[in-house]
Amino acid sequence: MSGPGLAALYTALSPQDRGALSPPEVAQRAKTRSDSVAVSAAKLFSRLLGGFCGDMALAFGALGGVYLVGGVVPGLGRAFDSRAFRIA
């Protein structure tokens, strides 16, 4: 799960060829809600990240929690869907 993954989700969800966007561009569009595809990509990213973290917590027996590092989640800001993350 990475910034390039967020950009790849955006490309995959685009109904027509909108051209490639950088991860910060997708995040900015999701934060400002100016692009519905970017919002959907951010929500899907949140859900996929939550599922991955849950799988890793079970695989490694993480009893003290899971720490997320890197720039994608902070970069998404309020576009990160914490509910989708937790449900996954």
PDB file of N, CA and C in Angstrom:
ATOM      1  N   MET A   1       0.857  -1.157   0.000  1.00  0.00           N
ATOM      2  CA  MET A   1       0.000   0.000   0.000  1.00  0.00           C
ATOM      3  C   MET A   1       0.905   1.222   0.000  1.00  0.00           C
ATOM      4  N   SER A   2       0.758   2.003  -1.058  1.00  0.00           N
ATOM      5  CA  SER A   2       1.665   3.125  -1.239  1.00  0.00           C
ATOM      6  C   SER A   2       0.996   4.219  -2.056  1.00  0.00           C
ATOM      7  N   GLY A   3       1.686   5.332  -2.165  1.00  0.00           N
ATOM      8  CA  GLY A   3       1.201   6.418  -3.008  1.00  0.00           C
ATOM      9  C   GLY A   3       0.967   5.981  -4.443  1.00  0.00           C
ATOM     10  N   PRO A   4       1.920   5.282  -5.060  1.00  0.00           N
ATOM     11  CA  PRO A   4       1.679   4.804  -6.424  1.00  0.00           C
ATOM     12  C   PRO A   4       0.457   3.884  -6.518  1.00  0.00           C
ATOM     13  N   GLY A   5       0.184   3.153  -5.439  1.00  0.00           N
ATOM     14  CA  GLY A   5      -1.013   2.312  -5.420  1.00  0.00           C
ATOM     15  C   GLY A   5      -2.284   3.140  -5.450  1.00  0.00           C
ATOM     16  N   LEU A   6      -2.278   4.263  -4.747  1.00  0.00           N
ATOM     17  CA  LEU A   6      -3.424   5.169  -4.774  1.00  0.00           C
ATOM     18  C   LEU A   6      -3.648   5.702  -6.184  1.00  0.00           C
ATOM     19  N   ALA A   7      -2.562   6.091  -6.837  1.00  0.00           N
ATOM     20  CA  ALA A   7      -2.662   6.590  -8.210  1.00  0.00           C
ATOM     21  C   ALA A   7      -3.148   5.489  -9.157  1.00  0.00           C
ATOM     22  N   ALA A   8      -2.703   4.256  -8.939  1.00  0.00           N
ATOM     23  CA  ALA A   8      -3.148   3.133  -9.775  1.00  0.00           C
ATOM     24  C   ALA A   8      -4.635   2.866  -9.577  1.00  0.00           C
ATOM     25  N   LEU A   9      -5.122   2.983  -8.340  1.00  0.00           N
ATOM     26  CA  LEU A   9      -6.561   2.821  -8.091  1.00  0.00           C
ATOM     27  C   LEU A   9      -7.350   3.899  -8.834  1.00  0.00           C
ATOM     28  N   TYR A  10      -6.847   5.114  -8.800  1.00  0.00           N
ATOM     29  CA  TYR A  10      -7.513   6.209  -9.507  1.00  0.00           C
ATOM     30  C   TYR A  10      -7.632   5.877 -10.993  1.00  0.00           C
ATOM     31  N   THR A  11      -6.536   5.424 -11.584  1.00  0.00           N
ATOM     32  CA  THR A  11      -6.538   5.075 -13.007  1.00  0.00           C
ATOM     33  C   THR A  11      -7.507   3.942 -13.287  1.00  0.00           C
ATOM     34  N   ALA A  12      -7.515   2.932 -12.419  1.00  0.00           N
ATOM     35  CA  ALA A  12      -8.402   1.775 -12.615  1.00  0.00           C
ATOM     36  C   ALA A  12      -9.874   2.152 -12.490  1.00  0.00           C
ATOM     37  N   LEU A  13     -10.180   3.106 -11.637  1.00  0.00           N
ATOM     38  CA  LEU A  13     -11.579   3.502 -11.415  1.00  0.00           C
ATOM     39  C   LEU A  13     -12.082   4.552 -12.403  1.00  0.00           C
ATOM     40  N   SER A  14     -11.185   5.145 -13.150  1.00  0.00           N
ATOM     41  CA  SER A  14     -11.576   6.207 -14.085  1.00  0.00           C
ATOM     42  C   SER A  14     -12.427   5.639 -15.214  1.00  0.00           C
ATOM     43  N   PRO A  15     -13.613   6.208 -15.432  1.00  0.00           N
ATOM     44  CA  PRO A  15     -14.490   5.706 -16.492  1.00  0.00           C
ATOM     45  C   PRO A  15     -13.949   5.967 -17.892  1.00  0.00           C
ATOM     46  N   GLN A  16     -13.149   6.987 -18.036  1.00  0.00           N
ATOM     47  CA  GLN A  16     -12.509   7.256 -19.316  1.00  0.00           C
ATOM     48  C   GLN A  16     -11.058   7.630 -19.047  1.00  0.00           C
ATOM     49  N   ASP A  17     -10.280   7.630 -20.081  1.00  0.00           N
ATOM     50  CA  ASP A  17      -8.854   7.905 -19.913  1.00  0.00           C
ATOM     51  C   ASP A  17      -8.671   9.361 -19.502  1.00  0.00           C
ATOM     52  N   ARG A  18      -8.422   9.582 -18.227  1.00  0.00           N
ATOM     53  CA  ARG A  18      -8.220  10.932 -17.703  1.00  0.00           C
ATOM     54  C   ARG A  18      -6.747  11.295 -17.639  1.00  0.00           C
ATOM     55  N   GLY A  19      -5.894  10.369 -18.005  1.00  0.00           N
ATOM     56  CA  GLY A  19      -4.463  10.611 -17.886  1.00  0.00           C
ATOM     57  C   GLY A  19      -3.985  10.249 -16.496  1.00  0.00           C
ATOM     58  N   ALA A  20      -2.707  10.047 -16.367  1.00  0.00           N
ATOM     59  CA  ALA A  20      -2.118   9.654 -15.091  1.00  0.00           C
ATOM     60  C   ALA A  20      -1.992  10.868 -14.169  1.00  0.00           C
ATOM     61  N   LEU A  21      -2.293  10.629 -12.912  1.00  0.00           N
ATOM     62  CA  LEU A  21      -2.102  11.650 -11.878  1.00  0.00           C
ATOM     63  C   LEU A  21      -1.076  11.141 -10.884  1.00  0.00           C
ATOM     64  N   SER A  22      -0.369  12.045 -10.266  1.00  0.00           N
ATOM     65  CA  SER A  22       0.558  11.666  -9.204  1.00  0.00           C
ATOM     66  C   SER A  22      -0.246  11.390  -7.930  1.00  0.00           C
ATOM     67  N   PRO A  23       0.323  10.640  -6.999  1.00  0.00           N
ATOM     68  CA  PRO A  23      -0.377  10.403  -5.733  1.00  0.00           C
ATOM     69  C   PRO A  23      -0.797  11.693  -5.010  1.00  0.00           C
ATOM     70  N   PRO A  24       0.074  12.716  -4.937  1.00  0.00           N
ATOM     71  CA  PRO A  24      -0.384  13.956  -4.280  1.00  0.00           C
ATOM     72  C   PRO A  24      -1.559  14.616  -5.006  1.00  0.00           C
ATOM     73  N   GLU A  25      -1.605  14.510  -6.334  1.00  0.00           N
ATOM     74  CA  GLU A  25      -2.724  15.090  -7.079  1.00  0.00           C
ATOM     75  C   GLU A  25      -4.024  14.359  -6.762  1.00  0.00           C
ATOM     76  N   VAL A  26      -3.956  13.032  -6.696  1.00  0.00           N
ATOM     77  CA  VAL A  26      -5.153  12.246  -6.353  1.00  0.00           C
ATOM     78  C   VAL A  26      -5.599  12.614  -4.943  1.00  0.00           C
ATOM     79  N   ALA A  27      -4.652  12.675  -4.006  1.00  0.00           N
ATOM     80  CA  ALA A  27      -4.983  13.011  -2.619  1.00  0.00           C
ATOM     81  C   ALA A  27      -5.606  14.398  -2.518  1.00  0.00           C
ATOM     82  N   GLN A  28      -5.047  15.362  -3.224  1.00  0.00           N
ATOM     83  CA  GLN A  28      -5.583  16.728  -3.174  1.00  0.00           C
ATOM     84  C   GLN A  28      -7.006  16.777  -3.722  1.00  0.00           C
ATOM     85  N   ARG A  29      -7.237  16.092  -4.825  1.00  0.00           N
ATOM     86  CA  ARG A  29      -8.588  16.075  -5.406  1.00  0.00           C
ATOM     87  C   ARG A  29      -9.578  15.373  -4.481  1.00  0.00           C
ATOM     88  N   ALA A  30      -9.101  14.332  -3.779  1.00  0.00           N
ATOM     89  CA  ALA A  30      -9.978  13.635  -2.832  1.00  0.00           C
ATOM     90  C   ALA A  30     -10.283  14.520  -1.630  1.00  0.00           C
ATOM     91  N   LYS A  31      -9.268  15.231  -1.125  1.00  0.00           N
ATOM     92  CA  LYS A  31      -9.474  16.105   0.034  1.00  0.00           C
ATOM     93  C   LYS A  31     -10.446  17.233  -0.266  1.00  0.00           C
ATOM     94  N   THR A  32     -10.342  17.796  -1.461  1.00  0.00           N
ATOM     95  CA  THR A  32     -11.223  18.910  -1.816  1.00  0.00           C
ATOM     96  C   THR A  32     -12.548  18.436  -2.398  1.00  0.00           C
ATOM     97  N   ARG A  33     -12.648  17.116  -2.602  1.00  0.00           N
ATOM     98  CA  ARG A  33     -13.848  16.485  -3.158  1.00  0.00           C
ATOM     99  C   ARG A  33     -14.192  17.078  -4.526  1.00  0.00           C
ATOM    100  N   SER A  34     -13.154  17.481  -5.260  1.00  0.00           N
ATOM    101  CA  SER A  34     -13.353  18.077  -6.583  1.00  0.00           C
ATOM    102  C   SER A  34     -13.411  17.033  -7.688  1.00  0.00           C
ATOM    103  N   ASP A  35     -13.150  15.779  -7.355  1.00  0.00           N
ATOM    104  CA  ASP A  35     -13.107  14.706  -8.350  1.00  0.00           C
ATOM    105  C   ASP A  35     -13.691  13.454  -7.703  1.00  0.00           C
ATOM    106  N   SER A  36     -14.844  13.021  -8.176  1.00  0.00           N
ATOM    107  CA  SER A  36     -15.522  11.869  -7.557  1.00  0.00           C
ATOM    108  C   SER A  36     -14.709  10.589  -7.683  1.00  0.00           C
ATOM    109  N   VAL A  37     -13.932  10.450  -8.743  1.00  0.00           N
ATOM    110  CA  VAL A  37     -13.095   9.260  -8.900  1.00  0.00           C
ATOM    111  C   VAL A  37     -11.990   9.257  -7.847  1.00  0.00           C
ATOM    112  N   ALA A  38     -11.415  10.408  -7.555  1.00  0.00           N
ATOM    113  CA  ALA A  38     -10.387  10.505  -6.518  1.00  0.00           C
ATOM    114  C   ALA A  38     -10.968  10.172  -5.146  1.00  0.00           C
ATOM    115  N   VAL A  39     -12.185  10.628  -4.883  1.00  0.00           N
ATOM    116  CA  VAL A  39     -12.852  10.307  -3.618  1.00  0.00           C
ATOM    117  C   VAL A  39     -13.074   8.799  -3.520  1.00  0.00           C
ATOM    118  N   SER A  40     -13.524   8.176  -4.591  1.00  0.00           N
ATOM    119  CA  SER A  40     -13.735   6.726  -4.601  1.00  0.00           C
ATOM    120  C   SER A  40     -12.422   5.973  -4.431  1.00  0.00           C
ATOM    121  N   ALA A  41     -11.371   6.459  -5.071  1.00  0.00           N
ATOM    122  CA  ALA A  41     -10.053   5.821  -4.946  1.00  0.00           C
ATOM    123  C   ALA A  41      -9.553   5.913  -3.506  1.00  0.00           C
ATOM    124  N   ALA A  42      -9.755   7.055  -2.850  1.00  0.00           N
ATOM    125  CA  ALA A  42      -9.327   7.225  -1.467  1.00  0.00           C
ATOM    126  C   ALA A  42     -10.113   6.292  -0.548  1.00  0.00           C
ATOM    127  N   LYS A  43     -11.393   6.162  -0.783  1.00  0.00           N
ATOM    128  CA  LYS A  43     -12.213   5.273   0.044  1.00  0.00           C
ATOM    129  C   LYS A  43     -11.795   3.820  -0.158  1.00  0.00           C
ATOM    130  N   LEU A  44     -11.580   3.411  -1.399  1.00  0.00           N
ATOM    131  CA  LEU A  44     -11.148   2.049  -1.680  1.00  0.00           C
ATOM    132  C   LEU A  44      -9.765   1.800  -1.081  1.00  0.00           C
ATOM    133  N   PHE A  45      -8.862   2.761  -1.208  1.00  0.00           N
ATOM    134  CA  PHE A  45      -7.537   2.646  -0.608  1.00  0.00           C
ATOM    135  C   PHE A  45      -7.654   2.431   0.894  1.00  0.00           C
ATOM    136  N   SER A  46      -8.520   3.204   1.542  1.00  0.00           N
ATOM    137  CA  SER A  46      -8.727   3.090   2.988  1.00  0.00           C
ATOM    138  C   SER A  46      -9.203   1.688   3.354  1.00  0.00           C
ATOM    139  N   ARG A  47     -10.145   1.172   2.590  1.00  0.00           N
ATOM    140  CA  ARG A  47     -10.683  -0.163   2.858  1.00  0.00           C
ATOM    141  C   ARG A  47      -9.634  -1.249   2.628  1.00  0.00           C
ATOM    142  N   LEU A  48      -8.894  -1.149   1.534  1.00  0.00           N
ATOM    143  CA  LEU A  48      -7.860  -2.139   1.244  1.00  0.00           C
ATOM    144  C   LEU A  48      -6.746  -2.099   2.281  1.00  0.00           C
ATOM    145  N   LEU A  49      -6.360  -0.899   2.710  1.00  0.00           N
ATOM    146  CA  LEU A  49      -5.337  -0.768   3.730  1.00  0.00           C
ATOM    147  C   LEU A  49      -5.810  -1.382   5.047  1.00  0.00           C
ATOM    148  N   GLY A  50      -7.058  -1.150   5.394  1.00  0.00           N
ATOM    149  CA  GLY A  50      -7.612  -1.734   6.617  1.00  0.00           C
ATOM    150  C   GLY A  50      -7.605  -3.252   6.574  1.00  0.00           C
ATOM    151  N   GLY A  51      -7.983  -3.813   5.443  1.00  0.00           N
ATOM    152  CA  GLY A  51      -7.962  -5.266   5.297  1.00  0.00           C
ATOM    153  C   GLY A  51      -6.553  -5.821   5.404  1.00  0.00           C
ATOM    154  N   PHE A  52      -5.601  -5.154   4.761  1.00  0.00           N
ATOM    155  CA  PHE A  52      -4.208  -5.591   4.810  1.00  0.00           C
ATOM    156  C   PHE A  52      -3.675  -5.519   6.241  1.00  0.00           C
ATOM    157  N   CYS A  53      -3.950  -4.416   6.919  1.00  0.00           N
ATOM    158  CA  CYS A  53      -3.468  -4.271   8.297  1.00  0.00           C
ATOM    159  C   CYS A  53      -4.067  -5.342   9.206  1.00  0.00           C
ATOM    160  N   GLY A  54      -5.348  -5.631   9.010  1.00  0.00           N
ATOM    161  CA  GLY A  54      -5.982  -6.686   9.794  1.00  0.00           C
ATOM    162  C   GLY A  54      -5.356  -8.040   9.537  1.00  0.00           C
ATOM    163  N   ASP A  55      -5.092  -8.318   8.269  1.00  0.00           N
ATOM    164  CA  ASP A  55      -4.438  -9.586   7.923  1.00  0.00           C
ATOM    165  C   ASP A  55      -3.055  -9.683   8.562  1.00  0.00           C
ATOM    166  N   MET A  56      -2.298  -8.610   8.501  1.00  0.00           N
ATOM    167  CA  MET A  56      -0.949  -8.627   9.070  1.00  0.00           C
ATOM    168  C   MET A  56      -0.989  -8.726  10.595  1.00  0.00           C
ATOM    169  N   ALA A  57      -1.964  -8.078  11.221  1.00  0.00           N
ATOM    170  CA  ALA A  57      -2.103  -8.174  12.679  1.00  0.00           C
ATOM    171  C   ALA A  57      -2.372  -9.618  13.085  1.00  0.00           C
ATOM    172  N   LEU A  58      -3.215 -10.300  12.332  1.00  0.00           N
ATOM    173  CA  LEU A  58      -3.494 -11.708  12.629  1.00  0.00           C
ATOM    174  C   LEU A  58      -2.286 -12.589  12.320  1.00  0.00           C
ATOM    175  N   ALA A  59      -1.639 -12.350  11.208  1.00  0.00           N
ATOM    176  CA  ALA A  59      -0.502 -13.180  10.800  1.00  0.00           C
ATOM    177  C   ALA A  59       0.657 -13.084  11.788  1.00  0.00           C
ATOM    178  N   PHE A  60       0.880 -11.905  12.348  1.00  0.00           N
ATOM    179  CA  PHE A  60       2.021 -11.710  13.233  1.00  0.00           C
ATOM    180  C   PHE A  60       1.632 -11.646  14.705  1.00  0.00           C
ATOM    181  N   GLY A  61       0.354 -11.836  15.003  1.00  0.00           N
ATOM    182  CA  GLY A  61      -0.092 -11.819  16.391  1.00  0.00           C
ATOM    183  C   GLY A  61       0.133 -10.481  17.070  1.00  0.00           C
ATOM    184  N   ALA A  62      -0.159  -9.404  16.365  1.00  0.00           N
ATOM    185  CA  ALA A  62       0.062  -8.058  16.905  1.00  0.00           C
ATOM    186  C   ALA A  62      -0.973  -7.759  17.984  1.00  0.00           C
ATOM    187  N   LEU A  63      -0.549  -7.880  19.240  1.00  0.00           N
ATOM    188  CA  LEU A  63      -1.460  -7.651  20.355  1.00  0.00           C
ATOM    189  C   LEU A  63      -1.464  -6.198  20.810  1.00  0.00           C
ATOM    190  N   GLY A  64      -0.431  -5.453  20.445  1.00  0.00           N
ATOM    191  CA  GLY A  64      -0.315  -4.070  20.897  1.00  0.00           C
ATOM    192  C   GLY A  64      -0.778  -3.048  19.877  1.00  0.00           C
ATOM    193  N   GLY A  65      -1.345  -3.517  18.776  1.00  0.00           N
ATOM    194  CA  GLY A  65      -1.825  -2.599  17.754  1.00  0.00           C
ATOM    195  C   GLY A  65      -0.974  -2.637  16.506  1.00  0.00           C
ATOM    196  N   VAL A  66      -1.352  -1.829  15.560  1.00  0.00           N
ATOM    197  CA  VAL A  66      -0.662  -1.724  14.284  1.00  0.00           C
ATOM    198  C   VAL A  66      -0.334  -0.255  14.074  1.00  0.00           C
ATOM    199  N   TYR A  67       0.899   0.016  13.716  1.00  0.00           N
ATOM    200  CA  TYR A  67       1.334   1.386  13.472  1.00  0.00           C
ATOM    201  C   TYR A  67       1.444   1.631  11.976  1.00  0.00           C
ATOM    202  N   LEU A  68       0.854   2.701  11.522  1.00  0.00           N
ATOM    203  CA  LEU A  68       0.940   3.085  10.117  1.00  0.00           C
ATOM    204  C   LEU A  68       1.972   4.189   9.979  1.00  0.00           C
ATOM    205  N   VAL A  69       2.902   3.978   9.054  1.00  0.00           N
ATOM    206  CA  VAL A  69       3.939   4.978   8.818  1.00  0.00           C
ATOM    207  C   VAL A  69       3.933   5.347   7.342  1.00  0.00           C
ATOM    208  N   GLY A  70       4.598   6.403   7.015  1.00  0.00           N
ATOM    209  CA  GLY A  70       4.655   6.832   5.627  1.00  0.00           C
ATOM    210  C   GLY A  70       3.804   8.067   5.416  1.00  0.00           C
ATOM    211  N   GLY A  71       3.673   8.447   4.166  1.00  0.00           N
ATOM    212  CA  GLY A  71       3.020   9.709   3.867  1.00  0.00           C
ATOM    213  C   GLY A  71       1.632   9.638   3.270  1.00  0.00           C
ATOM    214  N   VAL A  72       1.155   8.442   2.908  1.00  0.00           N
ATOM    215  CA  VAL A  72      -0.119   8.375   2.198  1.00  0.00           C
ATOM    216  C   VAL A  72      -1.295   8.749   3.093  1.00  0.00           C
ATOM    217  N   VAL A  73      -1.389   8.138   4.262  1.00  0.00           N
ATOM    218  CA  VAL A  73      -2.533   8.420   5.140  1.00  0.00           C
ATOM    219  C   VAL A  73      -2.543   9.885   5.569  1.00  0.00           C
ATOM    220  N   PRO A  74      -1.414  10.448   6.037  1.00  0.00           N
ATOM    221  CA  PRO A  74      -1.436  11.884   6.346  1.00  0.00           C
ATOM    222  C   PRO A  74      -1.713  12.737   5.110  1.00  0.00           C
ATOM    223  N   GLY A  75      -1.220  12.288   3.958  1.00  0.00           N
ATOM    224  CA  GLY A  75      -1.456  13.034   2.721  1.00  0.00           C
ATOM    225  C   GLY A  75      -2.925  13.073   2.329  1.00  0.00           C
ATOM    226  N   LEU A  76      -3.631  11.999   2.627  1.00  0.00           N
ATOM    227  CA  LEU A  76      -5.064  11.970   2.327  1.00  0.00           C
ATOM    228  C   LEU A  76      -5.855  12.842   3.295  1.00  0.00           C
ATOM    229  N   GLY A  77      -5.345  13.001   4.503  1.00  0.00           N
ATOM    230  CA  GLY A  77      -6.041  13.837   5.481  1.00  0.00           C
ATOM    231  C   GLY A  77      -7.465  13.362   5.701  1.00  0.00           C
ATOM    232  N   ARG A  78      -8.392  14.271   5.640  1.00  0.00           N
ATOM    233  CA  ARG A  78      -9.791  13.915   5.904  1.00  0.00           C
ATOM    234  C   ARG A  78     -10.408  13.064   4.801  1.00  0.00           C
ATOM    235  N   ALA A  79      -9.715  12.897   3.674  1.00  0.00           N
ATOM    236  CA  ALA A  79     -10.209  12.002   2.622  1.00  0.00           C
ATOM    237  C   ALA A  79      -9.980  10.539   2.986  1.00  0.00           C
ATOM    238  N   PHE A  80      -9.117  10.276   3.987  1.00  0.00           N
ATOM    239  CA  PHE A  80      -8.935   8.911   4.461  1.00  0.00           C
ATOM    240  C   PHE A  80     -10.203   8.500   5.187  1.00  0.00           C
ATOM    241  N   ASP A  81     -10.795   7.393   4.760  1.00  0.00           N
ATOM    242  CA  ASP A  81     -12.074   6.936   5.320  1.00  0.00           C
ATOM    243  C   ASP A  81     -11.802   5.973   6.475  1.00  0.00           C
ATOM    244  N   SER A  82     -11.754   6.508   7.687  1.00  0.00           N
ATOM    245  CA  SER A  82     -11.431   5.681   8.849  1.00  0.00           C
ATOM    246  C   SER A  82     -12.496   4.624   9.113  1.00  0.00           C
ATOM    247  N   ARG A  83     -13.731   4.906   8.758  1.00  0.00           N
ATOM    248  CA  ARG A  83     -14.801   3.909   8.941  1.00  0.00           C
ATOM    249  C   ARG A  83     -14.567   2.714   8.021  1.00  0.00           C
ATOM    250  N   ALA A  84     -14.257   2.966   6.761  1.00  0.00           N
ATOM    251  CA  ALA A  84     -13.970   1.874   5.814  1.00  0.00           C
ATOM    252  C   ALA A  84     -12.733   1.107   6.268  1.00  0.00           C
ATOM    253  N   PHE A  85     -11.747   1.815   6.806  1.00  0.00           N
ATOM    254  CA  PHE A  85     -10.537   1.177   7.316  1.00  0.00           C
ATOM    255  C   PHE A  85     -10.864   0.203   8.447  1.00  0.00           C
ATOM    256  N   ARG A  86     -11.666   0.656   9.402  1.00  0.00           N
ATOM    257  CA  ARG A  86     -11.998  -0.178  10.557  1.00  0.00           C
ATOM    258  C   ARG A  86     -12.892  -1.353  10.190  1.00  0.00           C
ATOM    259  N   ILE A  87     -13.834  -1.148   9.296  1.00  0.00           N
ATOM    260  CA  ILE A  87     -14.765  -2.214   8.909  1.00  0.00           C
ATOM    261  C   ILE A  87     -14.049  -3.342   8.180  1.00  0.00           C
ATOM    262  N   ALA A  88     -13.041  -2.957   7.393  1.00  0.00           N
ATOM    263  CA  ALA A  88     -12.324  -3.975   6.604  1.00  0.00           C
ATOM    264  C   ALA A  88     -11.667  -4.952   7.544  1.00  0.00           C
TER     265      ALA A  88
END
